[in-house]
Protein backbone atom coordinates (compact mmCIF):
# COMPACT_ATOMS: atom_id res chain seq x y z
CA MET A 1 107.50 175.74 97.44
CA PHE A 2 104.30 175.73 99.58
CA GLU A 3 103.97 177.10 103.06
CA VAL A 4 102.80 174.64 105.66
CA GLY A 5 99.17 175.54 106.26
CA GLY A 6 99.16 178.19 103.51
CA GLU A 7 96.22 178.91 101.24
CA GLU A 8 97.84 177.21 98.23
CA ALA A 9 98.35 174.02 100.25
CA PHE A 10 94.70 174.15 101.36
CA TRP A 11 93.40 174.24 97.77
CA LEU A 12 95.83 171.51 96.75
CA ASN A 13 94.43 169.33 99.53
CA VAL A 14 90.83 170.16 98.55
CA THR A 15 91.59 169.17 94.95
CA ASN A 16 93.20 165.91 96.08
CA VAL A 17 90.19 165.03 98.24
CA GLY A 18 87.84 165.77 95.33
CA LEU A 19 89.82 163.59 92.94
CA GLY A 20 89.94 160.85 95.55
CA LEU A 21 86.15 160.93 95.91
CA VAL A 22 85.66 160.77 92.13
CA THR A 23 88.02 157.79 91.97
CA LEU A 24 86.16 156.06 94.81
CA VAL A 25 82.80 156.57 93.08
CA CYS A 26 84.19 155.12 89.83
CA VAL A 27 85.56 152.06 91.61
CA VAL A 28 82.22 151.47 93.35
CA VAL A 29 80.26 151.80 90.08
CA VAL A 30 82.56 149.41 88.22
CA GLY A 31 82.53 146.96 91.13
CA ALA A 32 78.73 146.99 91.31
CA ARG A 33 78.50 146.38 87.58
CA VAL A 34 80.91 143.43 87.76
CA VAL A 35 78.99 141.89 90.66
CA GLY A 36 75.71 142.40 88.79
CA GLU A 37 77.07 140.72 85.67
CA LEU A 38 78.40 137.75 87.65
CA ALA A 39 75.04 137.39 89.44
CA ALA A 40 73.18 137.47 86.11
CA ARG A 41 75.45 134.77 84.68
CA LEU A 42 74.94 132.62 87.76
CA TRP A 43 71.16 133.12 87.59
CA ARG A 44 71.10 132.09 83.92
CA LYS A 45 73.18 129.03 84.70
CA LEU A 46 70.92 128.01 87.58
CA ALA A 47 67.76 128.69 85.57
CA GLN A 48 68.63 126.03 83.02
CA ALA A 49 66.95 122.86 84.24
CA ASP A 50 68.65 120.45 81.83
CA ASP A 51 70.19 120.28 78.35
CA HIS A 52 66.81 120.62 76.63
CA THR A 53 65.68 123.89 78.22
CA PHE A 54 66.90 127.46 77.94
CA VAL A 55 65.70 130.89 79.02
CA VAL A 56 64.40 133.40 76.47
CA PRO A 57 63.60 136.73 78.19
CA GLU A 58 60.44 137.33 76.14
CA LEU A 59 59.14 133.76 76.50
CA GLY A 60 60.50 132.53 79.81
CA LEU A 61 61.65 128.91 80.11
CA THR A 62 61.34 127.12 76.76
CA MET A 63 62.14 123.59 75.68
CA ALA A 64 64.50 123.23 72.75
CA ASP A 65 63.03 119.92 71.52
CA GLY A 66 59.42 121.15 71.68
CA GLY A 67 58.51 118.54 74.30
CA GLU A 68 56.04 118.97 77.11
CA ARG A 69 56.96 119.16 80.76
CA LEU A 70 55.62 116.18 82.68
CA GLU A 71 55.43 117.54 86.22
CA LYS A 72 53.19 120.45 87.11
CA THR A 73 54.00 123.10 89.65
CA LYS A 74 51.64 124.04 92.46
CA ALA A 75 50.93 127.35 90.73
CA GLU A 76 49.86 125.58 87.53
CA GLU A 77 47.60 123.24 89.49
CA ARG A 78 45.94 126.19 91.31
CA HIS A 79 45.48 127.99 87.99
CA GLU A 80 43.76 124.95 86.46
CA GLN A 81 41.47 124.63 89.48
CA GLY A 82 40.45 128.27 89.11
CA ARG A 83 41.80 129.55 92.44
């Protein structure tokens, strides 16, 4: 059917390499998206401090019961002191 080393075999091999590269790129893109989604889920899970808090992207960390946080972070203390 094809000669060994013939021109038709060359273009068949070039086509196969091209399709292999496209497949590899697709697998990498899908894999990166899956890893990104899993990382986002883990981040959301870790960001929840307890049952009364949840993360709203526009607001940050909010408290579902409307309560006030008792402890202050170092950044909040510096902000209050005007530094």
